[in-house]
Amino acid sequence: MSYNNMKRVLVLSAMSLLLSTLASATAYPSIQSTLCAVILAIYGPIAAIGGSLVLLMIVYAGVKYVYSADDPGGRKQAKSIIVNAIIGGVILLISVALFRMIASGGWVLKVCPGMT
């Protein structure tokens, strides 16, 4: 499967997940329940998959760095991958913390009372 096809599959699966969540959220009687369903639909995959992707990229860059000991361009690319993975991990931690803060009521409004 090519890179463009994988991107299309990921985008389409994310869109179908969001649409199915919104379709099931219309059965809820209040806006609060709809917001809770949307936040949980976004929060779940980010929290579950994001951390493992960051770790996978750091391991991949470490292996690339080790195997390109004679190639300065490969080492530079591996360092760049590690830096970008760490930046992505920090962004992931901030976004997960924001979702939890908004959803659990630690911020302006309490959207999902059952979420801790």
PDB file of N, CA and C in Angstrom:
ATOM      1  N   MET A   1       0.857  -1.167   0.000  1.00  0.00           N
ATOM      2  CA  MET A   1       0.000   0.000   0.000  1.00  0.00           C
ATOM      3  C   MET A   1       0.903   1.229   0.000  1.00  0.00           C
ATOM      4  N   SER A   2       0.627   2.163  -0.888  1.00  0.00           N
ATOM      5  CA  SER A   2       1.466   3.356  -0.980  1.00  0.00           C
ATOM      6  C   SER A   2       1.119   4.341   0.136  1.00  0.00           C
ATOM      7  N   TYR A   3       2.008   5.328   0.290  1.00  0.00           N
ATOM      8  CA  TYR A   3       1.852   6.321   1.344  1.00  0.00           C
ATOM      9  C   TYR A   3       0.570   7.126   1.151  1.00  0.00           C
ATOM     10  N   ASN A   4       0.262   7.516  -0.080  1.00  0.00           N
ATOM     11  CA  ASN A   4      -0.951   8.296  -0.336  1.00  0.00           C
ATOM     12  C   ASN A   4      -2.206   7.486  -0.039  1.00  0.00           C
ATOM     13  N   ASN A   5      -2.181   6.194  -0.357  1.00  0.00           N
ATOM     14  CA  ASN A   5      -3.339   5.353  -0.048  1.00  0.00           C
ATOM     15  C   ASN A   5      -3.514   5.193   1.457  1.00  0.00           C
ATOM     16  N   MET A   6      -2.404   5.082   2.197  1.00  0.00           N
ATOM     17  CA  MET A   6      -2.505   4.985   3.652  1.00  0.00           C
ATOM     18  C   MET A   6      -3.059   6.264   4.242  1.00  0.00           C
ATOM     19  N   LYS A   7      -2.653   7.413   3.695  1.00  0.00           N
ATOM     20  CA  LYS A   7      -3.204   8.681   4.171  1.00  0.00           C
ATOM     21  C   LYS A   7      -4.694   8.741   3.921  1.00  0.00           C
ATOM     22  N   ARG A   8      -5.123   8.310   2.752  1.00  0.00           N
ATOM     23  CA  ARG A   8      -6.552   8.327   2.432  1.00  0.00           C
ATOM     24  C   ARG A   8      -7.343   7.421   3.362  1.00  0.00           C
ATOM     25  N   VAL A   9      -6.801   6.236   3.649  1.00  0.00           N
ATOM     26  CA  VAL A   9      -7.483   5.309   4.537  1.00  0.00           C
ATOM     27  C   VAL A   9      -7.600   5.908   5.931  1.00  0.00           C
ATOM     28  N   LEU A  10      -6.520   6.518   6.431  1.00  0.00           N
ATOM     29  CA  LEU A  10      -6.562   7.124   7.757  1.00  0.00           C
ATOM     30  C   LEU A  10      -7.547   8.280   7.828  1.00  0.00           C
ATOM     31  N   VAL A  11      -7.563   9.128   6.804  1.00  0.00           N
ATOM     32  CA  VAL A  11      -8.478  10.271   6.796  1.00  0.00           C
ATOM     33  C   VAL A  11      -9.918   9.784   6.727  1.00  0.00           C
ATOM     34  N   LEU A  12     -10.180   8.817   5.863  1.00  0.00           N
ATOM     35  CA  LEU A  12     -11.544   8.306   5.728  1.00  0.00           C
ATOM     36  C   LEU A  12     -12.012   7.596   7.001  1.00  0.00           C
ATOM     37  N   SER A  13     -11.116   6.848   7.658  1.00  0.00           N
ATOM     38  CA  SER A  13     -11.531   6.180   8.892  1.00  0.00           C
ATOM     39  C   SER A  13     -11.772   7.190  10.009  1.00  0.00           C
ATOM     40  N   ALA A  14     -10.963   8.247  10.062  1.00  0.00           N
ATOM     41  CA  ALA A  14     -11.196   9.285  11.074  1.00  0.00           C
ATOM     42  C   ALA A  14     -12.509  10.012  10.812  1.00  0.00           C
ATOM     43  N   MET A  15     -12.801  10.283   9.532  1.00  0.00           N
ATOM     44  CA  MET A  15     -14.055  10.951   9.202  1.00  0.00           C
ATOM     45  C   MET A  15     -15.243  10.059   9.526  1.00  0.00           C
ATOM     46  N   SER A  16     -15.134   8.761   9.240  1.00  0.00           N
ATOM     47  CA  SER A  16     -16.259   7.871   9.535  1.00  0.00           C
ATOM     48  C   SER A  16     -16.465   7.723  11.036  1.00  0.00           C
ATOM     49  N   LEU A  17     -15.375   7.710  11.812  1.00  0.00           N
ATOM     50  CA  LEU A  17     -15.501   7.653  13.265  1.00  0.00           C
ATOM     51  C   LEU A  17     -16.203   8.892  13.795  1.00  0.00           C
ATOM     52  N   LEU A  18     -15.807  10.056  13.297  1.00  0.00           N
ATOM     53  CA  LEU A  18     -16.427  11.297  13.749  1.00  0.00           C
ATOM     54  C   LEU A  18     -17.890  11.369  13.332  1.00  0.00           C
ATOM     55  N   LEU A  19     -18.202  10.960  12.098  1.00  0.00           N
ATOM     56  CA  LEU A  19     -19.589  10.990  11.641  1.00  0.00           C
ATOM     57  C   LEU A  19     -20.462  10.008  12.411  1.00  0.00           C
ATOM     58  N   SER A  20     -19.928   8.820  12.707  1.00  0.00           N
ATOM     59  CA  SER A  20     -20.733   7.865  13.476  1.00  0.00           C
ATOM     60  C   SER A  20     -20.950   8.363  14.902  1.00  0.00           C
ATOM     61  N   THR A  21     -19.935   9.046  15.448  1.00  0.00           N
ATOM     62  CA  THR A  21     -20.096   9.611  16.783  1.00  0.00           C
ATOM     63  C   THR A  21     -21.139  10.716  16.778  1.00  0.00           C
ATOM     64  N   LEU A  22     -21.082  11.573  15.766  1.00  0.00           N
ATOM     65  CA  LEU A  22     -22.074  12.644  15.682  1.00  0.00           C
ATOM     66  C   LEU A  22     -23.468  12.093  15.431  1.00  0.00           C
ATOM     67  N   ALA A  23     -23.572  11.018  14.646  1.00  0.00           N
ATOM     68  CA  ALA A  23     -24.876  10.427  14.393  1.00  0.00           C
ATOM     69  C   ALA A  23     -25.455   9.813  15.665  1.00  0.00           C
ATOM     70  N   SER A  24     -24.594   9.170  16.458  1.00  0.00           N
ATOM     71  CA  SER A  24     -25.101   8.611  17.707  1.00  0.00           C
ATOM     72  C   SER A  24     -25.338   9.706  18.740  1.00  0.00           C
ATOM     73  N   ALA A  25     -24.615  10.825  18.607  1.00  0.00           N
ATOM     74  CA  ALA A  25     -24.785  11.917  19.572  1.00  0.00           C
ATOM     75  C   ALA A  25     -26.106  12.653  19.351  1.00  0.00           C
ATOM     76  N   THR A  26     -26.680  12.547  18.151  1.00  0.00           N
ATOM     77  CA  THR A  26     -27.955  13.224  17.926  1.00  0.00           C
ATOM     78  C   THR A  26     -29.091  12.558  18.703  1.00  0.00           C
ATOM     79  N   ALA A  27     -28.863  11.317  19.137  1.00  0.00           N
ATOM     80  CA  ALA A  27     -29.884  10.650  19.936  1.00  0.00           C
ATOM     81  C   ALA A  27     -29.908  11.185  21.370  1.00  0.00           C
ATOM     82  N   TYR A  28     -28.826  11.843  21.778  1.00  0.00           N
ATOM     83  CA  TYR A  28     -28.776  12.406  23.127  1.00  0.00           C
ATOM     84  C   TYR A  28     -29.632  13.666  23.185  1.00  0.00           C
ATOM     85  N   PRO A  29     -30.264  13.918  24.315  1.00  0.00           N
ATOM     86  CA  PRO A  29     -31.194  15.037  24.386  1.00  0.00           C
ATOM     87  C   PRO A  29     -30.538  16.403  24.554  1.00  0.00           C
ATOM     88  N   SER A  30     -29.299  16.471  24.996  1.00  0.00           N
ATOM     89  CA  SER A  30     -28.746  17.782  25.294  1.00  0.00           C
ATOM     90  C   SER A  30     -27.460  18.045  24.529  1.00  0.00           C
ATOM     91  N   ILE A  31     -27.101  19.301  24.472  1.00  0.00           N
ATOM     92  CA  ILE A  31     -25.856  19.707  23.827  1.00  0.00           C
ATOM     93  C   ILE A  31     -24.671  19.200  24.630  1.00  0.00           C
ATOM     94  N   GLN A  32     -24.806  19.137  25.939  1.00  0.00           N
ATOM     95  CA  GLN A  32     -23.727  18.654  26.793  1.00  0.00           C
ATOM     96  C   GLN A  32     -23.366  17.202  26.436  1.00  0.00           C
ATOM     97  N   SER A  33     -24.347  16.376  26.215  1.00  0.00           N
ATOM     98  CA  SER A  33     -24.087  14.987  25.853  1.00  0.00           C
ATOM     99  C   SER A  33     -23.427  14.894  24.482  1.00  0.00           C
ATOM    100  N   THR A  34     -23.851  15.746  23.556  1.00  0.00           N
ATOM    101  CA  THR A  34     -23.245  15.760  22.229  1.00  0.00           C
ATOM    102  C   THR A  34     -21.790  16.172  22.318  1.00  0.00           C
ATOM    103  N   LEU A  35     -21.485  17.228  23.080  1.00  0.00           N
ATOM    104  CA  LEU A  35     -20.102  17.658  23.261  1.00  0.00           C
ATOM    105  C   LEU A  35     -19.276  16.566  23.929  1.00  0.00           C
ATOM    106  N   CYS A  36     -19.860  15.897  24.886  1.00  0.00           N
ATOM    107  CA  CYS A  36     -19.164  14.813  25.570  1.00  0.00           C
ATOM    108  C   CYS A  36     -18.833  13.685  24.599  1.00  0.00           C
ATOM    109  N   ALA A  37     -19.763  13.326  23.743  1.00  0.00           N
ATOM    110  CA  ALA A  37     -19.521  12.251  22.774  1.00  0.00           C
ATOM    111  C   ALA A  37     -18.436  12.635  21.782  1.00  0.00           C
ATOM    112  N   VAL A  38     -18.441  13.884  21.323  1.00  0.00           N
ATOM    113  CA  VAL A  38     -17.417  14.332  20.369  1.00  0.00           C
ATOM    114  C   VAL A  38     -16.051  14.383  21.038  1.00  0.00           C
ATOM    115  N   ILE A  39     -15.975  14.904  22.253  1.00  0.00           N
ATOM    116  CA  ILE A  39     -14.699  14.988  22.959  1.00  0.00           C
ATOM    117  C   ILE A  39     -14.142  13.599  23.231  1.00  0.00           C
ATOM    118  N   LEU A  40     -14.990  12.675  23.645  1.00  0.00           N
ATOM    119  CA  LEU A  40     -14.516  11.328  23.905  1.00  0.00           C
ATOM    120  C   LEU A  40     -14.107  10.607  22.625  1.00  0.00           C
ATOM    121  N   ALA A  41     -14.760  10.915  21.492  1.00  0.00           N
ATOM    122  CA  ALA A  41     -14.377  10.307  20.221  1.00  0.00           C
ATOM    123  C   ALA A  41     -13.016  10.804  19.763  1.00  0.00           C
ATOM    124  N   ILE A  42     -12.674  12.030  20.091  1.00  0.00           N
ATOM    125  CA  ILE A  42     -11.372  12.569  19.721  1.00  0.00           C
ATOM    126  C   ILE A  42     -10.320  12.138  20.743  1.00  0.00           C
ATOM    127  N   TYR A  43     -10.671  12.145  22.010  1.00  0.00           N
ATOM    128  CA  TYR A  43      -9.731  11.869  23.087  1.00  0.00           C
ATOM    129  C   TYR A  43      -9.242  10.421  23.077  1.00  0.00           C
ATOM    130  N   GLY A  44     -10.130   9.496  22.826  1.00  0.00           N
ATOM    131  CA  GLY A  44      -9.777   8.081  22.885  1.00  0.00           C
ATOM    132  C   GLY A  44      -8.650   7.688  21.934  1.00  0.00           C
ATOM    133  N   PRO A  45      -8.796   7.930  20.636  1.00  0.00           N
ATOM    134  CA  PRO A  45      -7.710   7.559  19.723  1.00  0.00           C
ATOM    135  C   PRO A  45      -6.418   8.333  19.965  1.00  0.00           C
ATOM    136  N   ILE A  46      -6.529   9.601  20.345  1.00  0.00           N
ATOM    137  CA  ILE A  46      -5.307  10.378  20.598  1.00  0.00           C
ATOM    138  C   ILE A  46      -4.550   9.783  21.771  1.00  0.00           C
ATOM    139  N   ALA A  47      -5.249   9.472  22.839  1.00  0.00           N
ATOM    140  CA  ALA A  47      -4.589   8.943  24.030  1.00  0.00           C
ATOM    141  C   ALA A  47      -4.057   7.529  23.795  1.00  0.00           C
ATOM    142  N   ALA A  48      -4.770   6.717  23.028  1.00  0.00           N
ATOM    143  CA  ALA A  48      -4.376   5.323  22.851  1.00  0.00           C
ATOM    144  C   ALA A  48      -3.254   5.142  21.835  1.00  0.00           C
ATOM    145  N   ILE A  49      -3.343   5.832  20.718  1.00  0.00           N
ATOM    146  CA  ILE A  49      -2.410   5.590  19.622  1.00  0.00           C
ATOM    147  C   ILE A  49      -1.238   6.564  19.639  1.00  0.00           C
ATOM    148  N   GLY A  50      -1.453   7.765  20.102  1.00  0.00           N
ATOM    149  CA  GLY A  50      -0.430   8.796  20.008  1.00  0.00           C
ATOM    150  C   GLY A  50       0.862   8.477  20.726  1.00  0.00           C
ATOM    151  N   GLY A  51       0.769   7.996  21.953  1.00  0.00           N
ATOM    152  CA  GLY A  51       1.971   7.683  22.714  1.00  0.00           C
ATOM    153  C   GLY A  51       2.798   6.583  22.081  1.00  0.00           C
ATOM    154  N   SER A  52       2.127   5.562  21.572  1.00  0.00           N
ATOM    155  CA  SER A  52       2.863   4.473  20.929  1.00  0.00           C
ATOM    156  C   SER A  52       3.519   4.932  19.632  1.00  0.00           C
ATOM    157  N   LEU A  53       2.894   5.864  18.914  1.00  0.00           N
ATOM    158  CA  LEU A  53       3.520   6.391  17.703  1.00  0.00           C
ATOM    159  C   LEU A  53       4.763   7.208  18.025  1.00  0.00           C
ATOM    160  N   VAL A  54       4.714   7.992  19.090  1.00  0.00           N
ATOM    161  CA  VAL A  54       5.887   8.762  19.495  1.00  0.00           C
ATOM    162  C   VAL A  54       7.030   7.818  19.864  1.00  0.00           C
ATOM    163  N   LEU A  55       6.738   6.796  20.640  1.00  0.00           N
ATOM    164  CA  LEU A  55       7.761   5.835  21.034  1.00  0.00           C
ATOM    165  C   LEU A  55       8.316   5.092  19.823  1.00  0.00           C
ATOM    166  N   LEU A  56       7.449   4.702  18.906  1.00  0.00           N
ATOM    167  CA  LEU A  56       7.875   4.007  17.702  1.00  0.00           C
ATOM    168  C   LEU A  56       8.807   4.872  16.851  1.00  0.00           C
ATOM    169  N   MET A  57       8.494   6.152  16.734  1.00  0.00           N
ATOM    170  CA  MET A  57       9.347   7.038  15.939  1.00  0.00           C
ATOM    171  C   MET A  57      10.706   7.256  16.597  1.00  0.00           C
ATOM    172  N   ILE A  58      10.737   7.335  17.920  1.00  0.00           N
ATOM    173  CA  ILE A  58      12.018   7.492  18.608  1.00  0.00           C
ATOM    174  C   ILE A  58      12.875   6.238  18.445  1.00  0.00           C
ATOM    175  N   VAL A  59      12.270   5.061  18.539  1.00  0.00           N
ATOM    176  CA  VAL A  59      13.017   3.819  18.336  1.00  0.00           C
ATOM    177  C   VAL A  59      13.507   3.723  16.891  1.00  0.00           C
ATOM    178  N   TYR A  60      12.645   4.071  15.936  1.00  0.00           N
ATOM    179  CA  TYR A  60      13.032   4.048  14.528  1.00  0.00           C
ATOM    180  C   TYR A  60      14.211   4.985  14.270  1.00  0.00           C
ATOM    181  N   ALA A  61      14.162   6.181  14.831  1.00  0.00           N
ATOM    182  CA  ALA A  61      15.250   7.138  14.624  1.00  0.00           C
ATOM    183  C   ALA A  61      16.528   6.661  15.298  1.00  0.00           C
ATOM    184  N   GLY A  62      16.408   6.011  16.459  1.00  0.00           N
ATOM    185  CA  GLY A  62      17.596   5.469  17.120  1.00  0.00           C
ATOM    186  C   GLY A  62      18.263   4.381  16.298  1.00  0.00           C
ATOM    187  N   VAL A  63      17.455   3.497  15.723  1.00  0.00           N
ATOM    188  CA  VAL A  63      18.000   2.442  14.860  1.00  0.00           C
ATOM    189  C   VAL A  63      18.618   3.064  13.612  1.00  0.00           C
ATOM    190  N   LYS A  64      17.963   4.058  13.050  1.00  0.00           N
ATOM    191  CA  LYS A  64      18.495   4.736  11.868  1.00  0.00           C
ATOM    192  C   LYS A  64      19.818   5.427  12.193  1.00  0.00           C
ATOM    193  N   TYR A  65      19.916   6.010  13.379  1.00  0.00           N
ATOM    194  CA  TYR A  65      21.145   6.685  13.797  1.00  0.00           C
ATOM    195  C   TYR A  65      22.295   5.675  13.947  1.00  0.00           C
ATOM    196  N   VAL A  66      21.992   4.519  14.528  1.00  0.00           N
ATOM    197  CA  VAL A  66      23.023   3.505  14.732  1.00  0.00           C
ATOM    198  C   VAL A  66      23.504   2.939  13.396  1.00  0.00           C
ATOM    199  N   TYR A  67      22.583   2.666  12.495  1.00  0.00           N
ATOM    200  CA  TYR A  67      22.959   2.045  11.230  1.00  0.00           C
ATOM    201  C   TYR A  67      23.517   3.029  10.209  1.00  0.00           C
ATOM    202  N   SER A  68      23.435   4.315  10.472  1.00  0.00           N
ATOM    203  CA  SER A  68      24.051   5.282   9.557  1.00  0.00           C
ATOM    204  C   SER A  68      25.252   5.951  10.227  1.00  0.00           C
ATOM    205  N   ALA A  69      26.100   5.129  10.845  1.00  0.00           N
ATOM    206  CA  ALA A  69      27.266   5.661  11.549  1.00  0.00           C
ATOM    207  C   ALA A  69      28.254   6.307  10.591  1.00  0.00           C
ATOM    208  N   ASP A  70      28.354   5.810   9.358  1.00  0.00           N
ATOM    209  CA  ASP A  70      29.291   6.363   8.387  1.00  0.00           C
ATOM    210  C   ASP A  70      28.698   7.484   7.558  1.00  0.00           C
ATOM    211  N   ASP A  71      27.408   7.664   7.633  1.00  0.00           N
ATOM    212  CA  ASP A  71      26.724   8.650   6.797  1.00  0.00           C
ATOM    213  C   ASP A  71      26.276   9.838   7.651  1.00  0.00           C
ATOM    214  N   PRO A  72      26.945  11.008   7.504  1.00  0.00           N
ATOM    215  CA  PRO A  72      26.531  12.158   8.310  1.00  0.00           C
ATOM    216  C   PRO A  72      25.127  12.653   7.972  1.00  0.00           C
ATOM    217  N   GLY A  73      24.688  12.487   6.740  1.00  0.00           N
ATOM    218  CA  GLY A  73      23.339  12.900   6.357  1.00  0.00           C
ATOM    219  C   GLY A  73      22.278  12.055   7.035  1.00  0.00           C
ATOM    220  N   GLY A  74      22.538  10.751   7.161  1.00  0.00           N
ATOM    221  CA  GLY A  74      21.605   9.855   7.839  1.00  0.00           C
ATOM    222  C   GLY A  74      21.519  10.144   9.324  1.00  0.00           C
ATOM    223  N   ARG A  75      22.677  10.455   9.932  1.00  0.00           N
ATOM    224  CA  ARG A  75      22.657  10.807  11.357  1.00  0.00           C
ATOM    225  C   ARG A  75      21.889  12.100  11.592  1.00  0.00           C
ATOM    226  N   LYS A  76      22.087  13.056  10.683  1.00  0.00           N
ATOM    227  CA  LYS A  76      21.370  14.335  10.814  1.00  0.00           C
ATOM    228  C   LYS A  76      19.865  14.114  10.677  1.00  0.00           C
ATOM    229  N   GLN A  77      19.476  13.272   9.736  1.00  0.00           N
ATOM    230  CA  GLN A  77      18.048  12.983   9.553  1.00  0.00           C
ATOM    231  C   GLN A  77      17.480  12.260  10.774  1.00  0.00           C
ATOM    232  N   ALA A  78      18.260  11.339  11.350  1.00  0.00           N
ATOM    233  CA  ALA A  78      17.793  10.623  12.546  1.00  0.00           C
ATOM    234  C   ALA A  78      17.628  11.580  13.721  1.00  0.00           C
ATOM    235  N   LYS A  79      18.553  12.511  13.886  1.00  0.00           N
ATOM    236  CA  LYS A  79      18.422  13.508  14.951  1.00  0.00           C
ATOM    237  C   LYS A  79      17.179  14.361  14.747  1.00  0.00           C
ATOM    238  N   SER A  80      16.917  14.714  13.506  1.00  0.00           N
ATOM    239  CA  SER A  80      15.727  15.511  13.190  1.00  0.00           C
ATOM    240  C   SER A  80      14.447  14.738  13.520  1.00  0.00           C
ATOM    241  N   ILE A  81      14.437  13.444  13.221  1.00  0.00           N
ATOM    242  CA  ILE A  81      13.263  12.619  13.523  1.00  0.00           C
ATOM    243  C   ILE A  81      13.045  12.546  15.031  1.00  0.00           C
ATOM    244  N   ILE A  82      14.127  12.388  15.795  1.00  0.00           N
ATOM    245  CA  ILE A  82      14.001  12.310  17.250  1.00  0.00           C
ATOM    246  C   ILE A  82      13.465  13.626  17.817  1.00  0.00           C
ATOM    247  N   VAL A  83      14.012  14.746  17.336  1.00  0.00           N
ATOM    248  CA  VAL A  83      13.545  16.054  17.825  1.00  0.00           C
ATOM    249  C   VAL A  83      12.072  16.253  17.494  1.00  0.00           C
ATOM    250  N   ASN A  84      11.683  15.903  16.279  1.00  0.00           N
ATOM    251  CA  ASN A  84      10.280  16.064  15.889  1.00  0.00           C
ATOM    252  C   ASN A  84       9.364  15.120  16.665  1.00  0.00           C
ATOM    253  N   ALA A  85       9.839  13.916  16.977  1.00  0.00           N
ATOM    254  CA  ALA A  85       9.032  12.987  17.771  1.00  0.00           C
ATOM    255  C   ALA A  85       8.849  13.506  19.195  1.00  0.00           C
ATOM    256  N   ILE A  86       9.895  14.094  19.752  1.00  0.00           N
ATOM    257  CA  ILE A  86       9.770  14.652  21.103  1.00  0.00           C
ATOM    258  C   ILE A  86       8.822  15.840  21.111  1.00  0.00           C
ATOM    259  N   ILE A  87       8.915  16.700  20.101  1.00  0.00           N
ATOM    260  CA  ILE A  87       7.990  17.838  20.000  1.00  0.00           C
ATOM    261  C   ILE A  87       6.555  17.326  19.845  1.00  0.00           C
ATOM    262  N   GLY A  88       6.363  16.296  19.018  1.00  0.00           N
ATOM    263  CA  GLY A  88       5.039  15.700  18.869  1.00  0.00           C
ATOM    264  C   GLY A  88       4.528  15.097  20.163  1.00  0.00           C
ATOM    265  N   GLY A  89       5.422  14.488  20.948  1.00  0.00           N
ATOM    266  CA  GLY A  89       5.031  13.937  22.238  1.00  0.00           C
ATOM    267  C   GLY A  89       4.588  15.010  23.218  1.00  0.00           C
ATOM    268  N   VAL A  90       5.297  16.140  23.199  1.00  0.00           N
ATOM    269  CA  VAL A  90       4.906  17.250  24.075  1.00  0.00           C
ATOM    270  C   VAL A  90       3.540  17.796  23.658  1.00  0.00           C
ATOM    271  N   ILE A  91       3.331  17.952  22.352  1.00  0.00           N
ATOM    272  CA  ILE A  91       2.029  18.422  21.855  1.00  0.00           C
ATOM    273  C   ILE A  91       0.934  17.419  22.223  1.00  0.00           C
ATOM    274  N   LEU A  92       1.243  16.135  22.129  1.00  0.00           N
ATOM    275  CA  LEU A  92       0.279  15.100  22.511  1.00  0.00           C
ATOM    276  C   LEU A  92      -0.074  15.195  23.988  1.00  0.00           C
ATOM    277  N   LEU A  93       0.927  15.349  24.850  1.00  0.00           N
ATOM    278  CA  LEU A  93       0.653  15.458  26.283  1.00  0.00           C
ATOM    279  C   LEU A  93      -0.187  16.686  26.602  1.00  0.00           C
ATOM    280  N   ILE A  94       0.107  17.802  25.944  1.00  0.00           N
ATOM    281  CA  ILE A  94      -0.670  19.022  26.182  1.00  0.00           C
ATOM    282  C   ILE A  94      -2.111  18.844  25.717  1.00  0.00           C
ATOM    283  N   SER A  95      -2.303  18.240  24.532  1.00  0.00           N
ATOM    284  CA  SER A  95      -3.670  18.074  24.024  1.00  0.00           C
ATOM    285  C   SER A  95      -4.482  17.116  24.891  1.00  0.00           C
ATOM    286  N   VAL A  96      -3.860  16.021  25.343  1.00  0.00           N
ATOM    287  CA  VAL A  96      -4.568  15.084  26.214  1.00  0.00           C
ATOM    288  C   VAL A  96      -4.917  15.751  27.544  1.00  0.00           C
ATOM    289  N   ALA A  97      -3.986  16.546  28.077  1.00  0.00           N
ATOM    290  CA  ALA A  97      -4.264  17.255  29.325  1.00  0.00           C
ATOM    291  C   ALA A  97      -5.404  18.258  29.148  1.00  0.00           C
ATOM    292  N   LEU A  98      -5.431  18.946  28.008  1.00  0.00           N
ATOM    293  CA  LEU A  98      -6.522  19.888  27.751  1.00  0.00           C
ATOM    294  C   LEU A  98      -7.863  19.173  27.625  1.00  0.00           C
ATOM    295  N   PHE A  99      -7.892  18.046  26.911  1.00  0.00           N
ATOM    296  CA  PHE A  99      -9.132  17.287  26.793  1.00  0.00           C
ATOM    297  C   PHE A  99      -9.625  16.840  28.160  1.00  0.00           C
ATOM    298  N   ARG A 100      -8.703  16.340  28.983  1.00  0.00           N
ATOM    299  CA  ARG A 100      -9.115  15.883  30.315  1.00  0.00           C
ATOM    300  C   ARG A 100      -9.592  17.042  31.175  1.00  0.00           C
ATOM    301  N   MET A 101      -8.907  18.198  31.061  1.00  0.00           N
ATOM    302  CA  MET A 101      -9.275  19.345  31.881  1.00  0.00           C
ATOM    303  C   MET A 101     -10.649  19.882  31.473  1.00  0.00           C
ATOM    304  N   ILE A 102     -10.897  19.946  30.172  1.00  0.00           N
ATOM    305  CA  ILE A 102     -12.184  20.445  29.700  1.00  0.00           C
ATOM    306  C   ILE A 102     -13.295  19.455  30.032  1.00  0.00           C
ATOM    307  N   ALA A 103     -13.051  18.173  29.770  1.00  0.00           N
ATOM    308  CA  ALA A 103     -14.112  17.181  29.915  1.00  0.00           C
ATOM    309  C   ALA A 103     -14.439  16.863  31.367  1.00  0.00           C
ATOM    310  N   SER A 104     -13.457  16.923  32.252  1.00  0.00           N
ATOM    311  CA  SER A 104     -13.730  16.525  33.625  1.00  0.00           C
ATOM    312  C   SER A 104     -14.233  17.668  34.497  1.00  0.00           C
ATOM    313  N   GLY A 105     -14.309  18.849  33.962  1.00  0.00           N
ATOM    314  CA  GLY A 105     -14.864  19.950  34.723  1.00  0.00           C
ATOM    315  C   GLY A 105     -13.841  20.778  35.459  1.00  0.00           C
ATOM    316  N   GLY A 106     -12.575  20.572  35.170  1.00  0.00           N
ATOM    317  CA  GLY A 106     -11.552  21.360  35.832  1.00  0.00           C
ATOM    318  C   GLY A 106     -11.368  22.717  35.185  1.00  0.00           C
ATOM    319  N   TRP A 107     -12.105  22.997  34.140  1.00  0.00           N
ATOM    320  CA  TRP A 107     -11.959  24.256  33.435  1.00  0.00           C
ATOM    321  C   TRP A 107     -13.262  25.029  33.546  1.00  0.00           C
ATOM    322  N   VAL A 108     -13.686  25.705  32.519  1.00  0.00           N
ATOM    323  CA  VAL A 108     -14.827  26.608  32.584  1.00  0.00           C
ATOM    324  C   VAL A 108     -16.138  25.869  32.798  1.00  0.00           C
ATOM    325  N   LEU A 109     -16.372  24.803  32.059  1.00  0.00           N
ATOM    326  CA  LEU A 109     -17.632  24.084  32.204  1.00  0.00           C
ATOM    327  C   LEU A 109     -17.372  22.589  32.323  1.00  0.00           C
ATOM    328  N   LYS A 110     -18.308  21.905  32.895  1.00  0.00           N
ATOM    329  CA  LYS A 110     -18.179  20.465  33.086  1.00  0.00           C
ATOM    330  C   LYS A 110     -18.956  19.773  31.974  1.00  0.00           C
ATOM    331  N   VAL A 111     -18.209  19.186  31.014  1.00  0.00           N
ATOM    332  CA  VAL A 111     -18.862  18.588  29.848  1.00  0.00           C
ATOM    333  C   VAL A 111     -19.189  17.127  30.093  1.00  0.00           C
ATOM    334  N   CYS A 112     -18.195  16.342  30.478  1.00  0.00           N
ATOM    335  CA  CYS A 112     -18.395  14.907  30.691  1.00  0.00           C
ATOM    336  C   CYS A 112     -18.184  14.587  32.160  1.00  0.00           C
ATOM    337  N   PRO A 113     -19.246  14.478  32.929  1.00  0.00           N
ATOM    338  CA  PRO A 113     -19.081  14.249  34.355  1.00  0.00           C
ATOM    339  C   PRO A 113     -18.454  12.915  34.710  1.00  0.00           C
ATOM    340  N   GLY A 114     -18.582  11.885  33.870  1.00  0.00           N
ATOM    341  CA  GLY A 114     -18.047  10.582  34.201  1.00  0.00           C
ATOM    342  C   GLY A 114     -16.576  10.411  33.882  1.00  0.00           C
ATOM    343  N   MET A 115     -15.980  11.355  33.167  1.00  0.00           N
ATOM    344  CA  MET A 115     -14.588  11.225  32.762  1.00  0.00           C
ATOM    345  C   MET A 115     -13.661  11.705  33.860  1.00  0.00           C
ATOM    346  N   THR A 116     -12.635  10.904  34.157  1.00  0.00           N
ATOM    347  CA  THR A 116     -11.677  11.314  35.182  1.00  0.00           C
ATOM    348  C   THR A 116     -10.343  11.631  34.564  1.00  0.00           C
TER     349      THR A 116
END
